[in-house]
Amino acid sequence: MPFVIINKVKCNETTDGAGADDLQIKIDGVLVFGGPHGTAIDSGQEKIVNQSRAFDTIAKVSLWEWDSGSGDDHIGSFFVSASQVDDGERAFNLTGDGSDYDVFYQVEEAFNP
């Protein structure tokens, strides 16, 4: 069974609004990074994620900006496939809600932290 491994995330631009984003990363709807209130990240910063999740053939990776006073902001999503096993690290750019993030990930047959 393949694993998608999120290595790190880079914030090129935070979402609309002042200050840092409270970032959450979900794989197939399961929170894997950021905790219940997100992890603060500002423009120009990178965060090591090093989180993984097993999947069958396709997995959905989603970035969210947690908001305390309103609904969370969906930054964007992308899909990874079992056909990407052993292709090495890839980057996917997400731009939603005024933000710009690069997500660095890989798909492996097994996860060895």
PDB file of N, CA and C in Angstrom:
ATOM      1  N   MET A   1       0.851  -1.185   0.000  1.00  0.00           N
ATOM      2  CA  MET A   1       0.000   0.000   0.000  1.00  0.00           C
ATOM      3  C   MET A   1       0.891   1.242   0.000  1.00  0.00           C
ATOM      4  N   PRO A   2       0.684   2.159  -0.925  1.00  0.00           N
ATOM      5  CA  PRO A   2       1.530   3.359  -0.991  1.00  0.00           C
ATOM      6  C   PRO A   2       1.205   4.364   0.120  1.00  0.00           C
ATOM      7  N   PHE A   3       2.171   5.223   0.370  1.00  0.00           N
ATOM      8  CA  PHE A   3       2.041   6.313   1.331  1.00  0.00           C
ATOM      9  C   PHE A   3       2.329   7.617   0.623  1.00  0.00           C
ATOM     10  N   VAL A   4       1.549   8.644   0.911  1.00  0.00           N
ATOM     11  CA  VAL A   4       1.925   9.996   0.510  1.00  0.00           C
ATOM     12  C   VAL A   4       2.606  10.610   1.723  1.00  0.00           C
ATOM     13  N   ILE A   5       3.771  11.195   1.493  1.00  0.00           N
ATOM     14  CA  ILE A   5       4.557  11.811   2.555  1.00  0.00           C
ATOM     15  C   ILE A   5       4.669  13.303   2.248  1.00  0.00           C
ATOM     16  N   ILE A   6       4.154  14.123   3.147  1.00  0.00           N
ATOM     17  CA  ILE A   6       4.283  15.569   3.004  1.00  0.00           C
ATOM     18  C   ILE A   6       5.577  15.953   3.724  1.00  0.00           C
ATOM     19  N   ASN A   7       6.588  16.347   2.959  1.00  0.00           N
ATOM     20  CA  ASN A   7       7.896  16.671   3.538  1.00  0.00           C
ATOM     21  C   ASN A   7       7.911  18.056   4.182  1.00  0.00           C
ATOM     22  N   LYS A   8       7.492  19.057   3.426  1.00  0.00           N
ATOM     23  CA  LYS A   8       7.489  20.424   3.949  1.00  0.00           C
ATOM     24  C   LYS A   8       6.515  21.268   3.151  1.00  0.00           C
ATOM     25  N   VAL A   9       6.247  22.449   3.672  1.00  0.00           N
ATOM     26  CA  VAL A   9       5.379  23.408   3.001  1.00  0.00           C
ATOM     27  C   VAL A   9       6.060  24.771   3.080  1.00  0.00           C
ATOM     28  N   LYS A  10       5.961  25.526   1.987  1.00  0.00           N
ATOM     29  CA  LYS A  10       6.528  26.873   1.944  1.00  0.00           C
ATOM     30  C   LYS A  10       5.416  27.864   1.646  1.00  0.00           C
ATOM     31  N   CYS A  11       5.329  28.896   2.476  1.00  0.00           N
ATOM     32  CA  CYS A  11       4.346  29.958   2.277  1.00  0.00           C
ATOM     33  C   CYS A  11       5.002  31.078   1.479  1.00  0.00           C
ATOM     34  N   ASN A  12       4.528  31.273   0.256  1.00  0.00           N
ATOM     35  CA  ASN A  12       5.015  32.372  -0.572  1.00  0.00           C
ATOM     36  C   ASN A  12       4.215  33.647  -0.306  1.00  0.00           C
ATOM     37  N   GLU A  13       2.936  33.457   0.064  1.00  0.00           N
ATOM     38  CA  GLU A  13       2.033  34.577   0.373  1.00  0.00           C
ATOM     39  C   GLU A  13       0.911  34.048   1.251  1.00  0.00           C
ATOM     40  N   THR A  14       0.620  34.738   2.355  1.00  0.00           N
ATOM     41  CA  THR A  14      -0.466  34.318   3.233  1.00  0.00           C
ATOM     42  C   THR A  14      -1.822  34.652   2.613  1.00  0.00           C
ATOM     43  N   THR A  15      -2.882  34.107   3.203  1.00  0.00           N
ATOM     44  CA  THR A  15      -4.230  34.373   2.716  1.00  0.00           C
ATOM     45  C   THR A  15      -4.587  35.836   2.945  1.00  0.00           C
ATOM     46  N   ASP A  16      -5.689  36.261   2.324  1.00  0.00           N
ATOM     47  CA  ASP A  16      -6.142  37.637   2.505  1.00  0.00           C
ATOM     48  C   ASP A  16      -6.351  37.914   3.985  1.00  0.00           C
ATOM     49  N   GLY A  17      -5.908  39.046   4.422  1.00  0.00           N
ATOM     50  CA  GLY A  17      -6.013  39.405   5.833  1.00  0.00           C
ATOM     51  C   GLY A  17      -4.630  39.664   6.395  1.00  0.00           C
ATOM     52  N   ALA A  18      -4.603  40.225   7.589  1.00  0.00           N
ATOM     53  CA  ALA A  18      -3.334  40.604   8.199  1.00  0.00           C
ATOM     54  C   ALA A  18      -2.720  39.436   8.958  1.00  0.00           C
ATOM     55  N   GLY A  19      -1.402  39.405   8.976  1.00  0.00           N
ATOM     56  CA  GLY A  19      -0.677  38.459   9.810  1.00  0.00           C
ATOM     57  C   GLY A  19      -0.493  37.086   9.200  1.00  0.00           C
ATOM     58  N   ALA A  20       0.039  36.211  10.036  1.00  0.00           N
ATOM     59  CA  ALA A  20       0.354  34.848   9.628  1.00  0.00           C
ATOM     60  C   ALA A  20      -0.914  34.020   9.439  1.00  0.00           C
ATOM     61  N   ASP A  21      -0.797  32.990   8.624  1.00  0.00           N
ATOM     62  CA  ASP A  21      -1.867  32.002   8.481  1.00  0.00           C
ATOM     63  C   ASP A  21      -1.739  30.964   9.594  1.00  0.00           C
ATOM     64  N   ASP A  22      -2.846  30.358   9.948  1.00  0.00           N
ATOM     65  CA  ASP A  22      -2.871  29.211  10.859  1.00  0.00           C
ATOM     66  C   ASP A  22      -3.150  27.992   9.984  1.00  0.00           C
ATOM     67  N   LEU A  23      -2.080  27.383   9.491  1.00  0.00           N
ATOM     68  CA  LEU A  23      -2.156  26.366   8.456  1.00  0.00           C
ATOM     69  C   LEU A  23      -2.512  24.980   9.001  1.00  0.00           C
ATOM     70  N   GLN A  24      -3.377  24.304   8.270  1.00  0.00           N
ATOM     71  CA  GLN A  24      -3.705  22.904   8.511  1.00  0.00           C
ATOM     72  C   GLN A  24      -3.533  22.155   7.194  1.00  0.00           C
ATOM     73  N   ILE A  25      -3.019  20.922   7.279  1.00  0.00           N
ATOM     74  CA  ILE A  25      -2.915  20.062   6.113  1.00  0.00           C
ATOM     75  C   ILE A  25      -3.699  18.789   6.407  1.00  0.00           C
ATOM     76  N   LYS A  26      -4.538  18.407   5.444  1.00  0.00           N
ATOM     77  CA  LYS A  26      -5.335  17.191   5.578  1.00  0.00           C
ATOM     78  C   LYS A  26      -5.044  16.273   4.396  1.00  0.00           C
ATOM     79  N   ILE A  27      -5.009  14.972   4.675  1.00  0.00           N
ATOM     80  CA  ILE A  27      -4.903  13.962   3.630  1.00  0.00           C
ATOM     81  C   ILE A  27      -6.161  13.125   3.708  1.00  0.00           C
ATOM     82  N   ASP A  28      -6.918  13.100   2.628  1.00  0.00           N
ATOM     83  CA  ASP A  28      -8.213  12.410   2.586  1.00  0.00           C
ATOM     84  C   ASP A  28      -9.106  12.815   3.766  1.00  0.00           C
ATOM     85  N   GLY A  29      -9.080  14.109   4.093  1.00  0.00           N
ATOM     86  CA  GLY A  29      -9.935  14.650   5.135  1.00  0.00           C
ATOM     87  C   GLY A  29      -9.429  14.468   6.556  1.00  0.00           C
ATOM     88  N   VAL A  30      -8.297  13.795   6.729  1.00  0.00           N
ATOM     89  CA  VAL A  30      -7.731  13.556   8.062  1.00  0.00           C
ATOM     90  C   VAL A  30      -6.628  14.585   8.320  1.00  0.00           C
ATOM     91  N   LEU A  31      -6.754  15.302   9.426  1.00  0.00           N
ATOM     92  CA  LEU A  31      -5.771  16.305   9.800  1.00  0.00           C
ATOM     93  C   LEU A  31      -4.432  15.641  10.113  1.00  0.00           C
ATOM     94  N   VAL A  32      -3.367  16.020   9.369  1.00  0.00           N
ATOM     95  CA  VAL A  32      -2.045  15.444   9.603  1.00  0.00           C
ATOM     96  C   VAL A  32      -1.027  16.487  10.050  1.00  0.00           C
ATOM     97  N   PHE A  33      -1.372  17.783   9.934  1.00  0.00           N
ATOM     98  CA  PHE A  33      -0.447  18.840  10.335  1.00  0.00           C
ATOM     99  C   PHE A  33      -1.237  20.078  10.729  1.00  0.00           C
ATOM    100  N   GLY A  34      -0.798  20.710  11.800  1.00  0.00           N
ATOM    101  CA  GLY A  34      -1.371  21.985  12.192  1.00  0.00           C
ATOM    102  C   GLY A  34      -2.230  21.950  13.432  1.00  0.00           C
ATOM    103  N   GLY A  35      -2.606  20.771  13.886  1.00  0.00           N
ATOM    104  CA  GLY A  35      -3.429  20.688  15.085  1.00  0.00           C
ATOM    105  C   GLY A  35      -4.790  21.322  14.876  1.00  0.00           C
ATOM    106  N   PRO A  36      -5.604  21.327  15.921  1.00  0.00           N
ATOM    107  CA  PRO A  36      -6.986  21.816  15.778  1.00  0.00           C
ATOM    108  C   PRO A  36      -7.092  23.312  15.473  1.00  0.00           C
ATOM    109  N   HIS A  37      -6.056  24.093  15.777  1.00  0.00           N
ATOM    110  CA  HIS A  37      -6.096  25.543  15.528  1.00  0.00           C
ATOM    111  C   HIS A  37      -5.017  25.984  14.551  1.00  0.00           C
ATOM    112  N   GLY A  38      -4.434  25.047  13.823  1.00  0.00           N
ATOM    113  CA  GLY A  38      -3.435  25.380  12.817  1.00  0.00           C
ATOM    114  C   GLY A  38      -2.073  25.694  13.406  1.00  0.00           C
ATOM    115  N   THR A  39      -1.091  25.787  12.537  1.00  0.00           N
ATOM    116  CA  THR A  39       0.278  26.166  12.892  1.00  0.00           C
ATOM    117  C   THR A  39       0.591  27.466  12.174  1.00  0.00           C
ATOM    118  N   ALA A  40       1.064  28.458  12.928  1.00  0.00           N
ATOM    119  CA  ALA A  40       1.346  29.778  12.357  1.00  0.00           C
ATOM    120  C   ALA A  40       2.474  29.699  11.336  1.00  0.00           C
ATOM    121  N   ILE A  41       2.228  30.287  10.167  1.00  0.00           N
ATOM    122  CA  ILE A  41       3.235  30.382   9.114  1.00  0.00           C
ATOM    123  C   ILE A  41       3.021  31.703   8.400  1.00  0.00           C
ATOM    124  N   ASP A  42       4.118  32.388   8.109  1.00  0.00           N
ATOM    125  CA  ASP A  42       4.043  33.702   7.479  1.00  0.00           C
ATOM    126  C   ASP A  42       4.715  33.661   6.113  1.00  0.00           C
ATOM    127  N   SER A  43       4.503  34.676   5.322  1.00  0.00           N
ATOM    128  CA  SER A  43       5.098  34.755   3.992  1.00  0.00           C
ATOM    129  C   SER A  43       6.610  34.581   4.076  1.00  0.00           C
ATOM    130  N   GLY A  44       7.143  33.723   3.194  1.00  0.00           N
ATOM    131  CA  GLY A  44       8.573  33.470   3.151  1.00  0.00           C
ATOM    132  C   GLY A  44       9.044  32.350   4.060  1.00  0.00           C
ATOM    133  N   GLN A  45       8.175  31.841   4.917  1.00  0.00           N
ATOM    134  CA  GLN A  45       8.564  30.778   5.847  1.00  0.00           C
ATOM    135  C   GLN A  45       8.306  29.395   5.269  1.00  0.00           C
ATOM    136  N   GLU A  46       9.106  28.435   5.737  1.00  0.00           N
ATOM    137  CA  GLU A  46       8.905  27.022   5.445  1.00  0.00           C
ATOM    138  C   GLU A  46       8.673  26.292   6.754  1.00  0.00           C
ATOM    139  N   LYS A  47       7.863  25.257   6.704  1.00  0.00           N
ATOM    140  CA  LYS A  47       7.633  24.391   7.866  1.00  0.00           C
ATOM    141  C   LYS A  47       7.892  22.949   7.442  1.00  0.00           C
ATOM    142  N   ILE A  48       8.678  22.250   8.245  1.00  0.00           N
ATOM    143  CA  ILE A  48       8.875  20.823   8.033  1.00  0.00           C
ATOM    144  C   ILE A  48       7.614  20.115   8.509  1.00  0.00           C
ATOM    145  N   VAL A  49       7.062  19.258   7.680  1.00  0.00           N
ATOM    146  CA  VAL A  49       5.824  18.555   8.011  1.00  0.00           C
ATOM    147  C   VAL A  49       6.128  17.100   8.358  1.00  0.00           C
ATOM    148  N   ASN A  50       6.770  16.373   7.470  1.00  0.00           N
ATOM    149  CA  ASN A  50       7.161  14.979   7.657  1.00  0.00           C
ATOM    150  C   ASN A  50       6.017  14.125   8.209  1.00  0.00           C
ATOM    151  N   GLN A  51       4.873  14.196   7.539  1.00  0.00           N
ATOM    152  CA  GLN A  51       3.701  13.399   7.921  1.00  0.00           C
ATOM    153  C   GLN A  51       3.244  12.595   6.718  1.00  0.00           C
ATOM    154  N   SER A  52       2.699  11.418   7.009  1.00  0.00           N
ATOM    155  CA  SER A  52       2.298  10.550   5.906  1.00  0.00           C
ATOM    156  C   SER A  52       0.942   9.919   6.186  1.00  0.00           C
ATOM    157  N   ARG A  53       0.416   9.332   5.133  1.00  0.00           N
ATOM    158  CA  ARG A  53      -0.844   8.596   5.242  1.00  0.00           C
ATOM    159  C   ARG A  53      -0.901   7.580   4.101  1.00  0.00           C
ATOM    160  N   ALA A  54      -1.309   6.376   4.448  1.00  0.00           N
ATOM    161  CA  ALA A  54      -1.470   5.330   3.449  1.00  0.00           C
ATOM    162  C   ALA A  54      -2.740   5.575   2.643  1.00  0.00           C
ATOM    163  N   PHE A  55      -2.726   5.115   1.389  1.00  0.00           N
ATOM    164  CA  PHE A  55      -3.911   5.233   0.547  1.00  0.00           C
ATOM    165  C   PHE A  55      -3.908   4.087  -0.451  1.00  0.00           C
ATOM    166  N   ASP A  56      -5.033   3.881  -1.125  1.00  0.00           N
ATOM    167  CA  ASP A  56      -5.149   2.783  -2.078  1.00  0.00           C
ATOM    168  C   ASP A  56      -4.625   3.175  -3.459  1.00  0.00           C
ATOM    169  N   THR A  57      -5.354   4.008  -4.172  1.00  0.00           N
ATOM    170  CA  THR A  57      -4.920   4.380  -5.523  1.00  0.00           C
ATOM    171  C   THR A  57      -4.764   5.891  -5.696  1.00  0.00           C
ATOM    172  N   ILE A  58      -5.610   6.672  -5.031  1.00  0.00           N
ATOM    173  CA  ILE A  58      -5.556   8.135  -5.127  1.00  0.00           C
ATOM    174  C   ILE A  58      -5.801   8.726  -3.740  1.00  0.00           C
ATOM    175  N   ALA A  59      -5.032   9.774  -3.412  1.00  0.00           N
ATOM    176  CA  ALA A  59      -5.224  10.490  -2.149  1.00  0.00           C
ATOM    177  C   ALA A  59      -5.380  11.975  -2.436  1.00  0.00           C
ATOM    178  N   LYS A  60      -6.212  12.636  -1.632  1.00  0.00           N
ATOM    179  CA  LYS A  60      -6.443  14.073  -1.769  1.00  0.00           C
ATOM    180  C   LYS A  60      -5.719  14.813  -0.638  1.00  0.00           C
ATOM    181  N   VAL A  61      -4.840  15.737  -1.015  1.00  0.00           N
ATOM    182  CA  VAL A  61      -4.112  16.573  -0.062  1.00  0.00           C
ATOM    183  C   VAL A  61      -4.736  17.963  -0.099  1.00  0.00           C
ATOM    184  N   SER A  62      -5.126  18.485   1.074  1.00  0.00           N
ATOM    185  CA  SER A  62      -5.802  19.785   1.149  1.00  0.00           C
ATOM    186  C   SER A  62      -5.112  20.690   2.159  1.00  0.00           C
ATOM    187  N   LEU A  63      -5.010  21.958   1.818  1.00  0.00           N
ATOM    188  CA  LEU A  63      -4.498  22.968   2.737  1.00  0.00           C
ATOM    189  C   LEU A  63      -5.644  23.883   3.145  1.00  0.00           C
ATOM    190  N   TRP A  64      -5.666  24.193   4.438  1.00  0.00           N
ATOM    191  CA  TRP A  64      -6.700  25.051   5.016  1.00  0.00           C
ATOM    192  C   TRP A  64      -6.048  26.098   5.902  1.00  0.00           C
ATOM    193  N   GLU A  65      -6.676  27.248   5.975  1.00  0.00           N
ATOM    194  CA  GLU A  65      -6.272  28.285   6.920  1.00  0.00           C
ATOM    195  C   GLU A  65      -7.363  28.351   7.975  1.00  0.00           C
ATOM    196  N   TRP A  66      -7.008  27.942   9.206  1.00  0.00           N
ATOM    197  CA  TRP A  66      -7.971  27.896  10.307  1.00  0.00           C
ATOM    198  C   TRP A  66      -8.339  29.322  10.730  1.00  0.00           C
ATOM    199  N   ASP A  67      -9.621  29.559  10.907  1.00  0.00           N
ATOM    200  CA  ASP A  67     -10.123  30.849  11.381  1.00  0.00           C
ATOM    201  C   ASP A  67     -10.944  30.637  12.638  1.00  0.00           C
ATOM    202  N   SER A  68     -10.718  31.482  13.641  1.00  0.00           N
ATOM    203  CA  SER A  68     -11.459  31.345  14.896  1.00  0.00           C
ATOM    204  C   SER A  68     -12.837  31.989  14.827  1.00  0.00           C
ATOM    205  N   GLY A  69     -12.957  33.081  14.082  1.00  0.00           N
ATOM    206  CA  GLY A  69     -14.212  33.818  14.099  1.00  0.00           C
ATOM    207  C   GLY A  69     -15.132  33.540  12.924  1.00  0.00           C
ATOM    208  N   SER A  70     -14.657  32.772  11.955  1.00  0.00           N
ATOM    209  CA  SER A  70     -15.471  32.488  10.774  1.00  0.00           C
ATOM    210  C   SER A  70     -15.096  31.106  10.252  1.00  0.00           C
ATOM    211  N   GLY A  71     -15.670  30.737   9.139  1.00  0.00           N
ATOM    212  CA  GLY A  71     -15.347  29.448   8.545  1.00  0.00           C
ATOM    213  C   GLY A  71     -13.897  29.394   8.085  1.00  0.00           C
ATOM    214  N   ASP A  72     -13.306  28.211   8.154  1.00  0.00           N
ATOM    215  CA  ASP A  72     -11.930  28.041   7.699  1.00  0.00           C
ATOM    216  C   ASP A  72     -11.842  28.303   6.194  1.00  0.00           C
ATOM    217  N   ASP A  73     -10.682  28.802   5.763  1.00  0.00           N
ATOM    218  CA  ASP A  73     -10.466  29.127   4.354  1.00  0.00           C
ATOM    219  C   ASP A  73      -9.775  27.964   3.662  1.00  0.00           C
ATOM    220  N   HIS A  74     -10.382  27.483   2.586  1.00  0.00           N
ATOM    221  CA  HIS A  74      -9.786  26.410   1.795  1.00  0.00           C
ATOM    222  C   HIS A  74      -8.767  27.026   0.843  1.00  0.00           C
ATOM    223  N   ILE A  75      -7.499  26.703   1.047  1.00  0.00           N
ATOM    224  CA  ILE A  75      -6.435  27.233   0.188  1.00  0.00           C
ATOM    225  C   ILE A  75      -6.401  26.476  -1.132  1.00  0.00           C
ATOM    226  N   GLY A  76      -6.598  25.167  -1.061  1.00  0.00           N
ATOM    227  CA  GLY A  76      -6.610  24.371  -2.274  1.00  0.00           C
ATOM    228  C   GLY A  76      -6.318  22.909  -1.992  1.00  0.00           C
ATOM    229  N   SER A  77      -6.473  22.092  -3.018  1.00  0.00           N
ATOM    230  CA  SER A  77      -6.256  20.654  -2.916  1.00  0.00           C
ATOM    231  C   SER A  77      -5.590  20.146  -4.183  1.00  0.00           C
ATOM    232  N   PHE A  78      -4.953  18.997  -4.048  1.00  0.00           N
ATOM    233  CA  PHE A  78      -4.431  18.285  -5.207  1.00  0.00           C
ATOM    234  C   PHE A  78      -4.481  16.791  -4.911  1.00  0.00           C
ATOM    235  N   PHE A  79      -4.362  16.002  -5.960  1.00  0.00           N
ATOM    236  CA  PHE A  79      -4.449  14.549  -5.830  1.00  0.00           C
ATOM    237  C   PHE A  79      -3.096  13.919  -6.142  1.00  0.00           C
ATOM    238  N   VAL A  80      -2.758  12.870  -5.389  1.00  0.00           N
ATOM    239  CA  VAL A  80      -1.574  12.063  -5.675  1.00  0.00           C
ATOM    240  C   VAL A  80      -2.053  10.665  -6.029  1.00  0.00           C
ATOM    241  N   SER A  81      -1.224   9.966  -6.786  1.00  0.00           N
ATOM    242  CA  SER A  81      -1.608   8.662  -7.298  1.00  0.00           C
ATOM    243  C   SER A  81      -0.563   7.608  -6.943  1.00  0.00           C
ATOM    244  N   ALA A  82      -1.019   6.376  -6.815  1.00  0.00           N
ATOM    245  CA  ALA A  82      -0.111   5.258  -6.567  1.00  0.00           C
ATOM    246  C   ALA A  82       0.893   5.111  -7.701  1.00  0.00           C
ATOM    247  N   SER A  83       0.571   5.612  -8.868  1.00  0.00           N
ATOM    248  CA  SER A  83       1.504   5.531 -10.005  1.00  0.00           C
ATOM    249  C   SER A  83       2.731   6.421  -9.802  1.00  0.00           C
ATOM    250  N   GLN A  84       2.723   7.291  -8.789  1.00  0.00           N
ATOM    251  CA  GLN A  84       3.850   8.176  -8.508  1.00  0.00           C
ATOM    252  C   GLN A  84       4.863   7.560  -7.544  1.00  0.00           C
ATOM    253  N   VAL A  85       4.668   6.305  -7.140  1.00  0.00           N
ATOM    254  CA  VAL A  85       5.588   5.642  -6.208  1.00  0.00           C
ATOM    255  C   VAL A  85       7.003   5.707  -6.766  1.00  0.00           C
ATOM    256  N   ASP A  86       7.926   6.102  -5.899  1.00  0.00           N
ATOM    257  CA  ASP A  86       9.358   6.157  -6.202  1.00  0.00           C
ATOM    258  C   ASP A  86       9.736   7.160  -7.285  1.00  0.00           C
ATOM    259  N   ASP A  87       8.903   8.157  -7.547  1.00  0.00           N
ATOM    260  CA  ASP A  87       9.228   9.212  -8.506  1.00  0.00           C
ATOM    261  C   ASP A  87      10.077  10.316  -7.879  1.00  0.00           C
ATOM    262  N   GLY A  88      10.339  10.231  -6.570  1.00  0.00           N
ATOM    263  CA  GLY A  88      11.105  11.266  -5.879  1.00  0.00           C
ATOM    264  C   GLY A  88      10.221  12.401  -5.409  1.00  0.00           C
ATOM    265  N   GLU A  89      10.866  13.409  -4.825  1.00  0.00           N
ATOM    266  CA  GLU A  89      10.105  14.545  -4.291  1.00  0.00           C
ATOM    267  C   GLU A  89       9.547  15.390  -5.427  1.00  0.00           C
ATOM    268  N   ARG A  90       8.316  15.802  -5.236  1.00  0.00           N
ATOM    269  CA  ARG A  90       7.626  16.686  -6.166  1.00  0.00           C
ATOM    270  C   ARG A  90       7.152  17.908  -5.394  1.00  0.00           C
ATOM    271  N   ALA A  91       6.806  18.946  -6.131  1.00  0.00           N
ATOM    272  CA  ALA A  91       6.229  20.147  -5.526  1.00  0.00           C
ATOM    273  C   ALA A  91       4.922  20.453  -6.237  1.00  0.00           C
ATOM    274  N   PHE A  92       3.944  20.895  -5.458  1.00  0.00           N
ATOM    275  CA  PHE A  92       2.668  21.312  -6.030  1.00  0.00           C
ATOM    276  C   PHE A  92       2.359  22.692  -5.471  1.00  0.00           C
ATOM    277  N   ASN A  93       1.970  23.611  -6.346  1.00  0.00           N
ATOM    278  CA  ASN A  93       1.663  24.973  -5.942  1.00  0.00           C
ATOM    279  C   ASN A  93       0.159  25.147  -5.805  1.00  0.00           C
ATOM    280  N   LEU A  94      -0.262  25.698  -4.664  1.00  0.00           N
ATOM    281  CA  LEU A  94      -1.675  25.980  -4.410  1.00  0.00           C
ATOM    282  C   LEU A  94      -1.848  27.475  -4.184  1.00  0.00           C
ATOM    283  N   THR A  95      -2.839  28.049  -4.864  1.00  0.00           N
ATOM    284  CA  THR A  95      -3.134  29.478  -4.706  1.00  0.00           C
ATOM    285  C   THR A  95      -4.633  29.635  -4.528  1.00  0.00           C
ATOM    286  N   GLY A  96      -5.047  29.837  -3.326  1.00  0.00           N
ATOM    287  CA  GLY A  96      -6.454  30.047  -3.040  1.00  0.00           C
ATOM    288  C   GLY A  96      -6.621  31.054  -1.926  1.00  0.00           C
ATOM    289  N   ASP A  97      -7.713  31.793  -1.965  1.00  0.00           N
ATOM    290  CA  ASP A  97      -8.029  32.792  -0.947  1.00  0.00           C
ATOM    291  C   ASP A  97      -6.913  33.828  -0.808  1.00  0.00           C
ATOM    292  N   GLY A  98      -6.278  34.147  -1.937  1.00  0.00           N
ATOM    293  CA  GLY A  98      -5.233  35.168  -1.938  1.00  0.00           C
ATOM    294  C   GLY A  98      -3.864  34.664  -1.512  1.00  0.00           C
ATOM    295  N   SER A  99      -3.733  33.382  -1.229  1.00  0.00           N
ATOM    296  CA  SER A  99      -2.461  32.843  -0.746  1.00  0.00           C
ATOM    297  C   SER A  99      -1.699  32.132  -1.862  1.00  0.00           C
ATOM    298  N   ASP A 100      -0.464  31.751  -1.532  1.00  0.00           N
ATOM    299  CA  ASP A 100       0.388  31.025  -2.469  1.00  0.00           C
ATOM    300  C   ASP A 100       1.295  30.107  -1.645  1.00  0.00           C
ATOM    301  N   TYR A 101       1.111  28.807  -1.804  1.00  0.00           N
ATOM    302  CA  TYR A 101       1.879  27.809  -1.056  1.00  0.00           C
ATOM    303  C   TYR A 101       2.482  26.777  -2.000  1.00  0.00           C
ATOM    304  N   ASP A 102       3.691  26.314  -1.671  1.00  0.00           N
ATOM    305  CA  ASP A 102       4.306  25.173  -2.332  1.00  0.00           C
ATOM    306  C   ASP A 102       4.319  24.020  -1.330  1.00  0.00           C
ATOM    307  N   VAL A 103       3.808  22.864  -1.768  1.00  0.00           N
ATOM    308  CA  VAL A 103       3.788  21.669  -0.937  1.00  0.00           C
ATOM    309  C   VAL A 103       4.767  20.675  -1.549  1.00  0.00           C
ATOM    310  N   PHE A 104       5.739  20.233  -0.764  1.00  0.00           N
ATOM    311  CA  PHE A 104       6.748  19.282  -1.215  1.00  0.00           C
ATOM    312  C   PHE A 104       6.387  17.908  -0.660  1.00  0.00           C
ATOM    313  N   TYR A 105       6.243  16.950  -1.557  1.00  0.00           N
ATOM    314  CA  TYR A 105       5.758  15.631  -1.159  1.00  0.00           C
ATOM    315  C   TYR A 105       6.405  14.543  -2.005  1.00  0.00           C
ATOM    316  N   GLN A 106       6.219  13.311  -1.570  1.00  0.00           N
ATOM    317  CA  GLN A 106       6.634  12.154  -2.351  1.00  0.00           C
ATOM    318  C   GLN A 106       5.679  11.009  -2.057  1.00  0.00           C
ATOM    319  N   VAL A 107       5.663  10.047  -2.959  1.00  0.00           N
ATOM    320  CA  VAL A 107       4.836   8.860  -2.793  1.00  0.00           C
ATOM    321  C   VAL A 107       5.783   7.664  -2.752  1.00  0.00           C
ATOM    322  N   GLU A 108       5.686   6.904  -1.682  1.00  0.00           N
ATOM    323  CA  GLU A 108       6.578   5.756  -1.482  1.00  0.00           C
ATOM    324  C   GLU A 108       5.748   4.504  -1.195  1.00  0.00           C
ATOM    325  N   GLU A 109       6.366   3.376  -1.422  1.00  0.00           N
ATOM    326  CA  GLU A 109       5.714   2.100  -1.133  1.00  0.00           C
ATOM    327  C   GLU A 109       5.560   1.877   0.356  1.00  0.00           C
ATOM    328  N   ALA A 110       6.514   2.423   1.150  1.00  0.00           N
ATOM    329  CA  ALA A 110       6.461   2.314   2.604  1.00  0.00           C
ATOM    330  C   ALA A 110       7.003   3.600   3.195  1.00  0.00           C
ATOM    331  N   PHE A 111       6.551   3.941   4.407  1.00  0.00           N
ATOM    332  CA  PHE A 111       6.996   5.156   5.082  1.00  0.00           C
ATOM    333  C   PHE A 111       8.015   4.770   6.143  1.00  0.00           C
ATOM    334  N   ASN A 112       9.230   5.316   6.007  1.00  0.00           N
ATOM    335  CA  ASN A 112      10.297   5.062   6.976  1.00  0.00           C
ATOM    336  C   ASN A 112      10.786   6.403   7.509  1.00  0.00           C
ATOM    337  N   PRO A 113      10.231   6.861   8.631  1.00  0.00           N
ATOM    338  CA  PRO A 113      10.607   8.186   9.156  1.00  0.00           C
ATOM    339  C   PRO A 113      12.058   8.263   9.585  1.00  0.00           C
TER     340      PRO A 113
END
